[in-house]
Amino acid sequence: MTVSSQIDQPGYDAARAVDDDIATRWASDFQARDGWLAVDLGEEKEIGRVWISEIEWPETREFALEVKQGNAWKEVARGTTIGADKDISFAPVRAREVRLHVFKAERPINISEFQVFSPAK
């Protein structure tokens, strides 16, 4: 896990967004109104869906899902709001790294869960 920024308080680190615990979260720096959370899957895999849960007071206004292709990030989906239960399917792609890139948020970014899945068969 890598992130663009993180709040300077214990308990809000990037790993909290992928720990299968909806009660924990990653929080960006308090001043951040844009930023990203990237997951390294350890090896290249075929993916086609993500599930994202933002905290109970959703603040995201514009975001994209991106996969790393070579040294560049390629957009595979885009949206406006996330909320508590956002399931996004996209055309299957092979990638090792997946990123949630928030372009605009009303307040700091807070993501409770970010899960990546193989495409539905």
PDB file of N, CA and C in Angstrom:
ATOM      1  N   MET A   1       0.837  -1.187   0.000  1.00  0.00           N
ATOM      2  CA  MET A   1       0.000   0.000   0.000  1.00  0.00           C
ATOM      3  C   MET A   1       0.879   1.246   0.000  1.00  0.00           C
ATOM      4  N   THR A   2       0.508   2.164  -0.855  1.00  0.00           N
ATOM      5  CA  THR A   2       1.118   3.487  -0.824  1.00  0.00           C
ATOM      6  C   THR A   2      -0.010   4.508  -0.935  1.00  0.00           C
ATOM      7  N   VAL A   3       0.220   5.668  -0.362  1.00  0.00           N
ATOM      8  CA  VAL A   3      -0.784   6.730  -0.380  1.00  0.00           C
ATOM      9  C   VAL A   3      -0.109   8.072  -0.657  1.00  0.00           C
ATOM     10  N   SER A   4      -0.898   9.005  -1.139  1.00  0.00           N
ATOM     11  CA  SER A   4      -0.385  10.344  -1.429  1.00  0.00           C
ATOM     12  C   SER A   4      -0.085  11.115  -0.148  1.00  0.00           C
ATOM     13  N   SER A   5      -0.874  10.876   0.890  1.00  0.00           N
ATOM     14  CA  SER A   5      -0.663  11.530   2.185  1.00  0.00           C
ATOM     15  C   SER A   5      -1.412  10.742   3.255  1.00  0.00           C
ATOM     16  N   GLN A   6      -1.121  11.072   4.496  1.00  0.00           N
ATOM     17  CA  GLN A   6      -1.771  10.385   5.611  1.00  0.00           C
ATOM     18  C   GLN A   6      -1.863  11.348   6.784  1.00  0.00           C
ATOM     19  N   ILE A   7      -2.964  11.303   7.485  1.00  0.00           N
ATOM     20  CA  ILE A   7      -3.125  12.167   8.647  1.00  0.00           C
ATOM     21  C   ILE A   7      -2.069  11.805   9.695  1.00  0.00           C
ATOM     22  N   ASP A   8      -1.603  12.801  10.406  1.00  0.00           N
ATOM     23  CA  ASP A   8      -0.536  12.600  11.387  1.00  0.00           C
ATOM     24  C   ASP A   8      -1.120  12.197  12.744  1.00  0.00           C
ATOM     25  N   GLN A   9      -1.839  11.069  12.728  1.00  0.00           N
ATOM     26  CA  GLN A   9      -2.408  10.499  13.955  1.00  0.00           C
ATOM     27  C   GLN A   9      -2.331   8.984  13.829  1.00  0.00           C
ATOM     28  N   PRO A  10      -2.068   8.285  14.915  1.00  0.00           N
ATOM     29  CA  PRO A  10      -2.027   6.816  14.820  1.00  0.00           C
ATOM     30  C   PRO A  10      -3.411   6.230  14.530  1.00  0.00           C
ATOM     31  N   GLY A  11      -3.410   5.092  13.815  1.00  0.00           N
ATOM     32  CA  GLY A  11      -4.656   4.383  13.573  1.00  0.00           C
ATOM     33  C   GLY A  11      -5.352   4.681  12.263  1.00  0.00           C
ATOM     34  N   TYR A  12      -4.755   5.500  11.398  1.00  0.00           N
ATOM     35  CA  TYR A  12      -5.386   5.853  10.129  1.00  0.00           C
ATOM     36  C   TYR A  12      -4.463   5.573   8.941  1.00  0.00           C
ATOM     37  N   ASP A  13      -3.556   4.619   9.087  1.00  0.00           N
ATOM     38  CA  ASP A  13      -2.581   4.322   8.046  1.00  0.00           C
ATOM     39  C   ASP A  13      -3.231   3.598   6.872  1.00  0.00           C
ATOM     40  N   ALA A  14      -2.526   3.539   5.755  1.00  0.00           N
ATOM     41  CA  ALA A  14      -3.043   2.976   4.509  1.00  0.00           C
ATOM     42  C   ALA A  14      -3.510   1.538   4.648  1.00  0.00           C
ATOM     43  N   ALA A  15      -2.821   0.738   5.439  1.00  0.00           N
ATOM     44  CA  ALA A  15      -3.180  -0.686   5.590  1.00  0.00           C
ATOM     45  C   ALA A  15      -4.596  -0.863   6.131  1.00  0.00           C
ATOM     46  N   ARG A  16      -5.122   0.134   6.803  1.00  0.00           N
ATOM     47  CA  ARG A  16      -6.483   0.045   7.364  1.00  0.00           C
ATOM     48  C   ARG A  16      -7.552  -0.016   6.267  1.00  0.00           C
ATOM     49  N   ALA A  17      -7.215   0.431   5.059  1.00  0.00           N
ATOM     50  CA  ALA A  17      -8.188   0.416   3.961  1.00  0.00           C
ATOM     51  C   ALA A  17      -8.307  -0.958   3.303  1.00  0.00           C
ATOM     52  N   VAL A  18      -7.416  -1.881   3.654  1.00  0.00           N
ATOM     53  CA  VAL A  18      -7.451  -3.216   3.053  1.00  0.00           C
ATOM     54  C   VAL A  18      -7.414  -4.313   4.116  1.00  0.00           C
ATOM     55  N   ASP A  19      -7.892  -4.012   5.309  1.00  0.00           N
ATOM     56  CA  ASP A  19      -7.810  -4.975   6.410  1.00  0.00           C
ATOM     57  C   ASP A  19      -9.103  -5.761   6.644  1.00  0.00           C
ATOM     58  N   ASP A  20     -10.079  -5.653   5.734  1.00  0.00           N
ATOM     59  CA  ASP A  20     -11.373  -6.344   5.859  1.00  0.00           C
ATOM     60  C   ASP A  20     -12.145  -5.950   7.114  1.00  0.00           C
ATOM     61  N   ASP A  21     -11.892  -4.751   7.607  1.00  0.00           N
ATOM     62  CA  ASP A  21     -12.592  -4.260   8.792  1.00  0.00           C
ATOM     63  C   ASP A  21     -13.219  -2.909   8.454  1.00  0.00           C
ATOM     64  N   ILE A  22     -14.512  -2.897   8.274  1.00  0.00           N
ATOM     65  CA  ILE A  22     -15.228  -1.686   7.874  1.00  0.00           C
ATOM     66  C   ILE A  22     -15.151  -0.586   8.951  1.00  0.00           C
ATOM     67  N   ALA A  23     -14.787  -0.951  10.170  1.00  0.00           N
ATOM     68  CA  ALA A  23     -14.716   0.018  11.260  1.00  0.00           C
ATOM     69  C   ALA A  23     -13.393   0.785  11.275  1.00  0.00           C
ATOM     70  N   THR A  24     -12.406   0.371  10.455  1.00  0.00           N
ATOM     71  CA  THR A  24     -11.131   1.088  10.395  1.00  0.00           C
ATOM     72  C   THR A  24     -11.057   1.835   9.071  1.00  0.00           C
ATOM     73  N   ARG A  25     -10.057   2.732   8.937  1.00  0.00           N
ATOM     74  CA  ARG A  25      -9.967   3.500   7.700  1.00  0.00           C
ATOM     75  C   ARG A  25      -8.594   4.134   7.508  1.00  0.00           C
ATOM     76  N   TRP A  26      -8.332   4.438   6.225  1.00  0.00           N
ATOM     77  CA  TRP A  26      -7.192   5.297   5.880  1.00  0.00           C
ATOM     78  C   TRP A  26      -7.722   6.709   5.799  1.00  0.00           C
ATOM     79  N   ALA A  27      -6.991   7.648   6.353  1.00  0.00           N
ATOM     80  CA  ALA A  27      -7.356   9.058   6.287  1.00  0.00           C
ATOM     81  C   ALA A  27      -6.183   9.846   5.712  1.00  0.00           C
ATOM     82  N   SER A  28      -6.475  10.664   4.705  1.00  0.00           N
ATOM     83  CA  SER A  28      -5.442  11.515   4.111  1.00  0.00           C
ATOM     84  C   SER A  28      -5.073  12.626   5.087  1.00  0.00           C
ATOM     85  N   ASP A  29      -4.048  13.363   4.740  1.00  0.00           N
ATOM     86  CA  ASP A  29      -3.690  14.555   5.496  1.00  0.00           C
ATOM     87  C   ASP A  29      -4.931  15.436   5.641  1.00  0.00           C
ATOM     88  N   PHE A  30      -5.092  16.095   6.756  1.00  0.00           N
ATOM     89  CA  PHE A  30      -6.300  16.871   7.025  1.00  0.00           C
ATOM     90  C   PHE A  30      -6.533  17.978   5.996  1.00  0.00           C
ATOM     91  N   GLN A  31      -5.476  18.517   5.416  1.00  0.00           N
ATOM     92  CA  GLN A  31      -5.610  19.597   4.425  1.00  0.00           C
ATOM     93  C   GLN A  31      -5.886  19.082   3.007  1.00  0.00           C
ATOM     94  N   ALA A  32      -5.706  17.790   2.773  1.00  0.00           N
ATOM     95  CA  ALA A  32      -5.831  17.234   1.417  1.00  0.00           C
ATOM     96  C   ALA A  32      -7.276  17.250   0.922  1.00  0.00           C
ATOM     97  N   ARG A  33      -7.457  17.684  -0.306  1.00  0.00           N
ATOM     98  CA  ARG A  33      -8.755  17.637  -0.976  1.00  0.00           C
ATOM     99  C   ARG A  33      -8.657  16.825  -2.267  1.00  0.00           C
ATOM    100  N   ASP A  34      -7.479  16.245  -2.478  1.00  0.00           N
ATOM    101  CA  ASP A  34      -7.249  15.283  -3.552  1.00  0.00           C
ATOM    102  C   ASP A  34      -6.143  14.344  -3.070  1.00  0.00           C
ATOM    103  N   GLY A  35      -6.036  13.193  -3.723  1.00  0.00           N
ATOM    104  CA  GLY A  35      -5.009  12.243  -3.319  1.00  0.00           C
ATOM    105  C   GLY A  35      -5.317  10.858  -3.842  1.00  0.00           C
ATOM    106  N   TRP A  36      -4.501   9.885  -3.447  1.00  0.00           N
ATOM    107  CA  TRP A  36      -4.679   8.533  -3.968  1.00  0.00           C
ATOM    108  C   TRP A  36      -4.228   7.478  -2.969  1.00  0.00           C
ATOM    109  N   LEU A  37      -4.755   6.281  -3.231  1.00  0.00           N
ATOM    110  CA  LEU A  37      -4.455   5.077  -2.459  1.00  0.00           C
ATOM    111  C   LEU A  37      -4.147   3.993  -3.487  1.00  0.00           C
ATOM    112  N   ALA A  38      -2.941   3.425  -3.464  1.00  0.00           N
ATOM    113  CA  ALA A  38      -2.546   2.416  -4.441  1.00  0.00           C
ATOM    114  C   ALA A  38      -2.270   1.087  -3.753  1.00  0.00           C
ATOM    115  N   VAL A  39      -2.729   0.011  -4.392  1.00  0.00           N
ATOM    116  CA  VAL A  39      -2.557  -1.341  -3.872  1.00  0.00           C
ATOM    117  C   VAL A  39      -1.680  -2.129  -4.837  1.00  0.00           C
ATOM    118  N   ASP A  40      -0.640  -2.762  -4.298  1.00  0.00           N
ATOM    119  CA  ASP A  40       0.212  -3.660  -5.072  1.00  0.00           C
ATOM    120  C   ASP A  40      -0.282  -5.074  -4.799  1.00  0.00           C
ATOM    121  N   LEU A  41      -0.743  -5.762  -5.833  1.00  0.00           N
ATOM    122  CA  LEU A  41      -1.308  -7.106  -5.681  1.00  0.00           C
ATOM    123  C   LEU A  41      -0.233  -8.187  -5.552  1.00  0.00           C
ATOM    124  N   GLY A  42       1.035  -7.799  -5.642  1.00  0.00           N
ATOM    125  CA  GLY A  42       2.121  -8.750  -5.486  1.00  0.00           C
ATOM    126  C   GLY A  42       2.565  -9.409  -6.777  1.00  0.00           C
ATOM    127  N   GLU A  43       1.658  -9.538  -7.712  1.00  0.00           N
ATOM    128  CA  GLU A  43       1.944 -10.069  -9.039  1.00  0.00           C
ATOM    129  C   GLU A  43       0.829  -9.614  -9.969  1.00  0.00           C
ATOM    130  N   GLU A  44       1.094  -9.670 -11.265  1.00  0.00           N
ATOM    131  CA  GLU A  44       0.077  -9.269 -12.228  1.00  0.00           C
ATOM    132  C   GLU A  44      -1.091 -10.251 -12.182  1.00  0.00           C
ATOM    133  N   LYS A  45      -2.301  -9.704 -12.116  1.00  0.00           N
ATOM    134  CA  LYS A  45      -3.522 -10.507 -12.073  1.00  0.00           C
ATOM    135  C   LYS A  45      -4.569  -9.884 -12.976  1.00  0.00           C
ATOM    136  N   GLU A  46      -5.537 -10.696 -13.388  1.00  0.00           N
ATOM    137  CA  GLU A  46      -6.657 -10.158 -14.147  1.00  0.00           C
ATOM    138  C   GLU A  46      -7.677  -9.630 -13.150  1.00  0.00           C
ATOM    139  N   ILE A  47      -8.042  -8.371 -13.302  1.00  0.00           N
ATOM    140  CA  ILE A  47      -9.015  -7.748 -12.414  1.00  0.00           C
ATOM    141  C   ILE A  47     -10.125  -7.124 -13.241  1.00  0.00           C
ATOM    142  N   GLY A  48     -11.298  -6.957 -12.616  1.00  0.00           N
ATOM    143  CA  GLY A  48     -12.422  -6.378 -13.340  1.00  0.00           C
ATOM    144  C   GLY A  48     -13.461  -5.744 -12.442  1.00  0.00           C
ATOM    145  N   ARG A  49     -13.141  -5.675 -11.141  1.00  0.00           N
ATOM    146  CA  ARG A  49     -14.121  -5.099 -10.213  1.00  0.00           C
ATOM    147  C   ARG A  49     -13.420  -4.639  -8.949  1.00  0.00           C
ATOM    148  N   VAL A  50     -13.911  -3.542  -8.376  1.00  0.00           N
ATOM    149  CA  VAL A  50     -13.469  -3.100  -7.048  1.00  0.00           C
ATOM    150  C   VAL A  50     -14.697  -2.782  -6.208  1.00  0.00           C
ATOM    151  N   TRP A  51     -14.516  -2.882  -4.920  1.00  0.00           N
ATOM    152  CA  TRP A  51     -15.540  -2.453  -3.971  1.00  0.00           C
ATOM    153  C   TRP A  51     -14.881  -1.459  -3.039  1.00  0.00           C
ATOM    154  N   ILE A  52     -15.534  -0.300  -2.881  1.00  0.00           N
ATOM    155  CA  ILE A  52     -14.989   0.780  -2.057  1.00  0.00           C
ATOM    156  C   ILE A  52     -16.042   1.196  -1.038  1.00  0.00           C
ATOM    157  N   SER A  53     -15.581   1.444   0.176  1.00  0.00           N
ATOM    158  CA  SER A  53     -16.464   1.976   1.195  1.00  0.00           C
ATOM    159  C   SER A  53     -15.813   3.219   1.799  1.00  0.00           C
ATOM    160  N   GLU A  54     -16.516   4.325   1.658  1.00  0.00           N
ATOM    161  CA  GLU A  54     -16.074   5.581   2.256  1.00  0.00           C
ATOM    162  C   GLU A  54     -16.754   5.685   3.622  1.00  0.00           C
ATOM    163  N   ILE A  55     -16.227   6.501   4.499  1.00  0.00           N
ATOM    164  CA  ILE A  55     -16.829   6.647   5.827  1.00  0.00           C
ATOM    165  C   ILE A  55     -18.268   7.148   5.752  1.00  0.00           C
ATOM    166  N   GLU A  56     -18.924   7.158   6.870  1.00  0.00           N
ATOM    167  CA  GLU A  56     -20.358   7.466   6.926  1.00  0.00           C
ATOM    168  C   GLU A  56     -20.723   8.886   6.483  1.00  0.00           C
ATOM    169  N   TRP A  57     -19.769   9.778   6.386  1.00  0.00           N
ATOM    170  CA  TRP A  57     -20.061  11.098   5.830  1.00  0.00           C
ATOM    171  C   TRP A  57     -19.224  11.271   4.554  1.00  0.00           C
ATOM    172  N   PRO A  58     -19.740  10.775   3.422  1.00  0.00           N
ATOM    173  CA  PRO A  58     -18.970  10.768   2.175  1.00  0.00           C
ATOM    174  C   PRO A  58     -18.619  12.168   1.696  1.00  0.00           C
ATOM    175  N   GLU A  59     -17.365  12.329   1.301  1.00  0.00           N
ATOM    176  CA  GLU A  59     -16.869  13.640   0.881  1.00  0.00           C
ATOM    177  C   GLU A  59     -16.317  13.664  -0.539  1.00  0.00           C
ATOM    178  N   THR A  60     -16.163  12.489  -1.172  1.00  0.00           N
ATOM    179  CA  THR A  60     -15.601  12.432  -2.528  1.00  0.00           C
ATOM    180  C   THR A  60     -16.580  13.018  -3.533  1.00  0.00           C
ATOM    181  N   ARG A  61     -16.048  13.834  -4.451  1.00  0.00           N
ATOM    182  CA  ARG A  61     -16.869  14.458  -5.493  1.00  0.00           C
ATOM    183  C   ARG A  61     -16.428  14.066  -6.904  1.00  0.00           C
ATOM    184  N   GLU A  62     -15.186  13.582  -7.056  1.00  0.00           N
ATOM    185  CA  GLU A  62     -14.704  13.111  -8.353  1.00  0.00           C
ATOM    186  C   GLU A  62     -13.523  12.178  -8.122  1.00  0.00           C
ATOM    187  N   PHE A  63     -13.567  11.001  -8.799  1.00  0.00           N
ATOM    188  CA  PHE A  63     -12.498  10.025  -8.624  1.00  0.00           C
ATOM    189  C   PHE A  63     -12.342   9.177  -9.882  1.00  0.00           C
ATOM    190  N   ALA A  64     -11.223   8.458  -9.952  1.00  0.00           N
ATOM    191  CA  ALA A  64     -10.986   7.496 -11.027  1.00  0.00           C
ATOM    192  C   ALA A  64     -10.323   6.261 -10.433  1.00  0.00           C
ATOM    193  N   LEU A  65     -10.571   5.120 -11.052  1.00  0.00           N
ATOM    194  CA  LEU A  65      -9.831   3.901 -10.767  1.00  0.00           C
ATOM    195  C   LEU A  65      -8.794   3.773 -11.864  1.00  0.00           C
ATOM    196  N   GLU A  66      -7.565   3.463 -11.476  1.00  0.00           N
ATOM    197  CA  GLU A  66      -6.480   3.387 -12.433  1.00  0.00           C
ATOM    198  C   GLU A  66      -5.667   2.116 -12.202  1.00  0.00           C
ATOM    199  N   VAL A  67      -5.085   1.601 -13.265  1.00  0.00           N
ATOM    200  CA  VAL A  67      -4.168   0.462 -13.172  1.00  0.00           C
ATOM    201  C   VAL A  67      -2.839   0.901 -13.777  1.00  0.00           C
ATOM    202  N   LYS A  68      -1.759   0.359 -13.243  1.00  0.00           N
ATOM    203  CA  LYS A  68      -0.439   0.720 -13.758  1.00  0.00           C
ATOM    204  C   LYS A  68      -0.096  -0.185 -14.925  1.00  0.00           C
ATOM    205  N   GLN A  69       0.207   0.422 -16.062  1.00  0.00           N
ATOM    206  CA  GLN A  69       0.610  -0.268 -17.275  1.00  0.00           C
ATOM    207  C   GLN A  69       1.998   0.262 -17.633  1.00  0.00           C
ATOM    208  N   GLY A  70       3.027  -0.557 -17.442  1.00  0.00           N
ATOM    209  CA  GLY A  70       4.396  -0.073 -17.604  1.00  0.00           C
ATOM    210  C   GLY A  70       4.685   0.940 -16.513  1.00  0.00           C
ATOM    211  N   ASN A  71       5.062   2.157 -16.904  1.00  0.00           N
ATOM    212  CA  ASN A  71       5.329   3.219 -15.926  1.00  0.00           C
ATOM    213  C   ASN A  71       4.209   4.239 -15.840  1.00  0.00           C
ATOM    214  N   ALA A  72       3.099   3.988 -16.542  1.00  0.00           N
ATOM    215  CA  ALA A  72       2.004   4.961 -16.593  1.00  0.00           C
ATOM    216  C   ALA A  72       0.735   4.386 -15.974  1.00  0.00           C
ATOM    217  N   TRP A  73      -0.083   5.268 -15.427  1.00  0.00           N
ATOM    218  CA  TRP A  73      -1.384   4.884 -14.886  1.00  0.00           C
ATOM    219  C   TRP A  73      -2.438   5.045 -15.967  1.00  0.00           C
ATOM    220  N   LYS A  74      -3.293   4.029 -16.123  1.00  0.00           N
ATOM    221  CA  LYS A  74      -4.355   4.040 -17.125  1.00  0.00           C
ATOM    222  C   LYS A  74      -5.705   4.004 -16.403  1.00  0.00           C
ATOM    223  N   GLU A  75      -6.581   4.917 -16.764  1.00  0.00           N
ATOM    224  CA  GLU A  75      -7.912   4.971 -16.155  1.00  0.00           C
ATOM    225  C   GLU A  75      -8.787   3.836 -16.680  1.00  0.00           C
ATOM    226  N   VAL A  76      -9.462   3.133 -15.758  1.00  0.00           N
ATOM    227  CA  VAL A  76     -10.384   2.060 -16.158  1.00  0.00           C
ATOM    228  C   VAL A  76     -11.829   2.366 -15.764  1.00  0.00           C
ATOM    229  N   ALA A  77     -12.032   3.331 -14.880  1.00  0.00           N
ATOM    230  CA  ALA A  77     -13.386   3.740 -14.470  1.00  0.00           C
ATOM    231  C   ALA A  77     -13.290   5.122 -13.838  1.00  0.00           C
ATOM    232  N   ARG A  78     -14.410   5.840 -13.865  1.00  0.00           N
ATOM    233  CA  ARG A  78     -14.469   7.197 -13.289  1.00  0.00           C
ATOM    234  C   ARG A  78     -15.830   7.386 -12.643  1.00  0.00           C
ATOM    235  N   GLY A  79     -15.870   8.208 -11.600  1.00  0.00           N
ATOM    236  CA  GLY A  79     -17.132   8.470 -10.941  1.00  0.00           C
ATOM    237  C   GLY A  79     -17.120   9.773 -10.176  1.00  0.00           C
ATOM    238  N   THR A  80     -18.244  10.052  -9.531  1.00  0.00           N
ATOM    239  CA  THR A  80     -18.360  11.286  -8.754  1.00  0.00           C
ATOM    240  C   THR A  80     -18.368  10.980  -7.261  1.00  0.00           C
ATOM    241  N   THR A  81     -19.326  10.222  -6.800  1.00  0.00           N
ATOM    242  CA  THR A  81     -19.406   9.926  -5.369  1.00  0.00           C
ATOM    243  C   THR A  81     -19.062   8.462  -5.094  1.00  0.00           C
ATOM    244  N   ILE A  82     -18.660   8.189  -3.851  1.00  0.00           N
ATOM    245  CA  ILE A  82     -18.342   6.821  -3.455  1.00  0.00           C
ATOM    246  C   ILE A  82     -19.371   6.329  -2.444  1.00  0.00           C
ATOM    247  N   GLY A  83     -19.434   6.929  -1.283  1.00  0.00           N
ATOM    248  CA  GLY A  83     -20.392   6.509  -0.267  1.00  0.00           C
ATOM    249  C   GLY A  83     -19.969   5.233   0.438  1.00  0.00           C
ATOM    250  N   ALA A  84     -20.902   4.630   1.160  1.00  0.00           N
ATOM    251  CA  ALA A  84     -20.599   3.482   2.015  1.00  0.00           C
ATOM    252  C   ALA A  84     -20.495   2.160   1.273  1.00  0.00           C
ATOM    253  N   ASP A  85     -21.013   2.092   0.039  1.00  0.00           N
ATOM    254  CA  ASP A  85     -21.081   0.807  -0.653  1.00  0.00           C
ATOM    255  C   ASP A  85     -21.027   1.021  -2.165  1.00  0.00           C
ATOM    256  N   LYS A  86     -19.819   1.140  -2.709  1.00  0.00           N
ATOM    257  CA  LYS A  86     -19.640   1.415  -4.143  1.00  0.00           C
ATOM    258  C   LYS A  86     -18.977   0.214  -4.805  1.00  0.00           C
ATOM    259  N   ASP A  87     -19.724  -0.473  -5.647  1.00  0.00           N
ATOM    260  CA  ASP A  87     -19.239  -1.625  -6.395  1.00  0.00           C
ATOM    261  C   ASP A  87     -19.069  -1.178  -7.844  1.00  0.00           C
ATOM    262  N   ILE A  88     -17.853  -1.292  -8.386  1.00  0.00           N
ATOM    263  CA  ILE A  88     -17.578  -0.812  -9.731  1.00  0.00           C
ATOM    264  C   ILE A  88     -16.972  -1.946 -10.554  1.00  0.00           C
ATOM    265  N   SER A  89     -17.646  -2.293 -11.654  1.00  0.00           N
ATOM    266  CA  SER A  89     -17.120  -3.274 -12.603  1.00  0.00           C
ATOM    267  C   SER A  89     -16.579  -2.530 -13.813  1.00  0.00           C
ATOM    268  N   PHE A  90     -15.537  -3.087 -14.423  1.00  0.00           N
ATOM    269  CA  PHE A  90     -14.939  -2.489 -15.610  1.00  0.00           C
ATOM    270  C   PHE A  90     -14.397  -3.596 -16.499  1.00  0.00           C
ATOM    271  N   ALA A  91     -14.049  -3.262 -17.736  1.00  0.00           N
ATOM    272  CA  ALA A  91     -13.510  -4.249 -18.668  1.00  0.00           C
ATOM    273  C   ALA A  91     -12.283  -4.906 -18.053  1.00  0.00           C
ATOM    274  N   PRO A  92     -12.206  -6.229 -18.076  1.00  0.00           N
ATOM    275  CA  PRO A  92     -11.069  -6.928 -17.460  1.00  0.00           C
ATOM    276  C   PRO A  92      -9.724  -6.434 -18.004  1.00  0.00           C
ATOM    277  N   VAL A  93      -8.762  -6.343 -17.099  1.00  0.00           N
ATOM    278  CA  VAL A  93      -7.422  -5.868 -17.436  1.00  0.00           C
ATOM    279  C   VAL A  93      -6.417  -6.598 -16.550  1.00  0.00           C
ATOM    280  N   ARG A  94      -5.214  -6.797 -17.054  1.00  0.00           N
ATOM    281  CA  ARG A  94      -4.151  -7.409 -16.258  1.00  0.00           C
ATOM    282  C   ARG A  94      -3.315  -6.292 -15.666  1.00  0.00           C
ATOM    283  N   ALA A  95      -3.089  -6.362 -14.356  1.00  0.00           N
ATOM    284  CA  ALA A  95      -2.298  -5.340 -13.676  1.00  0.00           C
ATOM    285  C   ALA A  95      -1.796  -5.869 -12.343  1.00  0.00           C
ATOM    286  N   ARG A  96      -0.716  -5.302 -11.883  1.00  0.00           N
ATOM    287  CA  ARG A  96      -0.190  -5.621 -10.556  1.00  0.00           C
ATOM    288  C   ARG A  96      -0.589  -4.536  -9.555  1.00  0.00           C
ATOM    289  N   GLU A  97      -0.695  -3.285 -10.025  1.00  0.00           N
ATOM    290  CA  GLU A  97      -1.033  -2.170  -9.143  1.00  0.00           C
ATOM    291  C   GLU A  97      -2.354  -1.528  -9.559  1.00  0.00           C
ATOM    292  N   VAL A  98      -3.176  -1.224  -8.560  1.00  0.00           N
ATOM    293  CA  VAL A  98      -4.486  -0.604  -8.758  1.00  0.00           C
ATOM    294  C   VAL A  98      -4.547   0.622  -7.861  1.00  0.00           C
ATOM    295  N   ARG A  99      -5.107   1.710  -8.373  1.00  0.00           N
ATOM    296  CA  ARG A  99      -5.122   2.956  -7.592  1.00  0.00           C
ATOM    297  C   ARG A  99      -6.506   3.600  -7.609  1.00  0.00           C
ATOM    298  N   LEU A 100      -6.933   4.037  -6.446  1.00  0.00           N
ATOM    299  CA  LEU A 100      -8.095   4.910  -6.308  1.00  0.00           C
ATOM    300  C   LEU A 100      -7.533   6.324  -6.272  1.00  0.00           C
ATOM    301  N   HIS A 101      -7.869   7.119  -7.282  1.00  0.00           N
ATOM    302  CA  HIS A 101      -7.348   8.482  -7.394  1.00  0.00           C
ATOM    303  C   HIS A 101      -8.506   9.462  -7.197  1.00  0.00           C
ATOM    304  N   VAL A 102      -8.523  10.143  -6.080  1.00  0.00           N
ATOM    305  CA  VAL A 102      -9.561  11.133  -5.779  1.00  0.00           C
ATOM    306  C   VAL A 102      -9.067  12.489  -6.276  1.00  0.00           C
ATOM    307  N   PHE A 103      -9.805  13.058  -7.215  1.00  0.00           N
ATOM    308  CA  PHE A 103      -9.438  14.353  -7.782  1.00  0.00           C
ATOM    309  C   PHE A 103     -10.037  15.515  -6.996  1.00  0.00           C
ATOM    310  N   LYS A 104     -11.198  15.257  -6.360  1.00  0.00           N
ATOM    311  CA  LYS A 104     -11.865  16.342  -5.634  1.00  0.00           C
ATOM    312  C   LYS A 104     -12.640  15.760  -4.463  1.00  0.00           C
ATOM    313  N   ALA A 105     -12.410  16.327  -3.285  1.00  0.00           N
ATOM    314  CA  ALA A 105     -13.143  15.939  -2.073  1.00  0.00           C
ATOM    315  C   ALA A 105     -13.486  17.205  -1.297  1.00  0.00           C
ATOM    316  N   GLU A 106     -14.601  17.162  -0.613  1.00  0.00           N
ATOM    317  CA  GLU A 106     -15.031  18.323   0.181  1.00  0.00           C
ATOM    318  C   GLU A 106     -14.193  18.490   1.458  1.00  0.00           C
ATOM    319  N   ARG A 107     -13.758  17.373   2.003  1.00  0.00           N
ATOM    320  CA  ARG A 107     -12.941  17.356   3.223  1.00  0.00           C
ATOM    321  C   ARG A 107     -11.852  16.305   3.021  1.00  0.00           C
ATOM    322  N   PRO A 108     -11.072  15.959   4.027  1.00  0.00           N
ATOM    323  CA  PRO A 108     -10.046  14.934   3.861  1.00  0.00           C
ATOM    324  C   PRO A 108     -10.646  13.616   3.351  1.00  0.00           C
ATOM    325  N   ILE A 109      -9.835  12.826   2.667  1.00  0.00           N
ATOM    326  CA  ILE A 109     -10.263  11.542   2.116  1.00  0.00           C
ATOM    327  C   ILE A 109     -10.232  10.497   3.223  1.00  0.00           C
ATOM    328  N   ASN A 110     -11.295   9.728   3.351  1.00  0.00           N
ATOM    329  CA  ASN A 110     -11.397   8.675   4.361  1.00  0.00           C
ATOM    330  C   ASN A 110     -11.994   7.429   3.711  1.00  0.00           C
ATOM    331  N   ILE A 111     -11.183   6.398   3.524  1.00  0.00           N
ATOM    332  CA  ILE A 111     -11.625   5.174   2.874  1.00  0.00           C
ATOM    333  C   ILE A 111     -11.565   4.024   3.883  1.00  0.00           C
ATOM    334  N   SER A 112     -12.723   3.426   4.146  1.00  0.00           N
ATOM    335  CA  SER A 112     -12.801   2.316   5.098  1.00  0.00           C
ATOM    336  C   SER A 112     -12.324   1.011   4.485  1.00  0.00           C
ATOM    337  N   GLU A 113     -12.687   0.758   3.228  1.00  0.00           N
ATOM    338  CA  GLU A 113     -12.267  -0.470   2.552  1.00  0.00           C
ATOM    339  C   GLU A 113     -12.085  -0.226   1.065  1.00  0.00           C
ATOM    340  N   PHE A 114     -11.045  -0.862   0.515  1.00  0.00           N
ATOM    341  CA  PHE A 114     -10.776  -0.850  -0.918  1.00  0.00           C
ATOM    342  C   PHE A 114     -10.396  -2.272  -1.296  1.00  0.00           C
ATOM    343  N   GLN A 115     -11.299  -2.968  -1.985  1.00  0.00           N
ATOM    344  CA  GLN A 115     -11.088  -4.372  -2.326  1.00  0.00           C
ATOM    345  C   GLN A 115     -11.082  -4.534  -3.840  1.00  0.00           C
ATOM    346  N   VAL A 116     -10.172  -5.378  -4.323  1.00  0.00           N
ATOM    347  CA  VAL A 116      -9.984  -5.623  -5.756  1.00  0.00           C
ATOM    348  C   VAL A 116     -10.330  -7.076  -6.048  1.00  0.00           C
ATOM    349  N   PHE A 117     -11.072  -7.293  -7.162  1.00  0.00           N
ATOM    350  CA  PHE A 117     -11.554  -8.634  -7.505  1.00  0.00           C
ATOM    351  C   PHE A 117     -11.260  -8.994  -8.949  1.00  0.00           C
ATOM    352  N   SER A 118     -11.200 -10.288  -9.215  1.00  0.00           N
ATOM    353  CA  SER A 118     -11.130 -10.799 -10.583  1.00  0.00           C
ATOM    354  C   SER A 118     -12.465 -10.490 -11.240  1.00  0.00           C
ATOM    355  N   PRO A 119     -12.488 -10.438 -12.580  1.00  0.00           N
ATOM    356  CA  PRO A 119     -13.765 -10.196 -13.252  1.00  0.00           C
ATOM    357  C   PRO A 119     -14.725 -11.375 -13.051  1.00  0.00           C
ATOM    358  N   ALA A 120     -16.003 -11.071 -13.061  1.00  0.00           N
ATOM    359  CA  ALA A 120     -17.018 -12.132 -12.934  1.00  0.00           C
ATOM    360  C   ALA A 120     -16.969 -13.008 -14.164  1.00  0.00           C
ATOM    361  N   LYS A 121     -17.079 -14.283 -13.969  1.00  0.00           N
ATOM    362  CA  LYS A 121     -17.035 -15.247 -15.093  1.00  0.00           C
ATOM    363  C   LYS A 121     -18.438 -15.677 -15.460  1.00  0.00           C
TER     364      LYS A 121
END
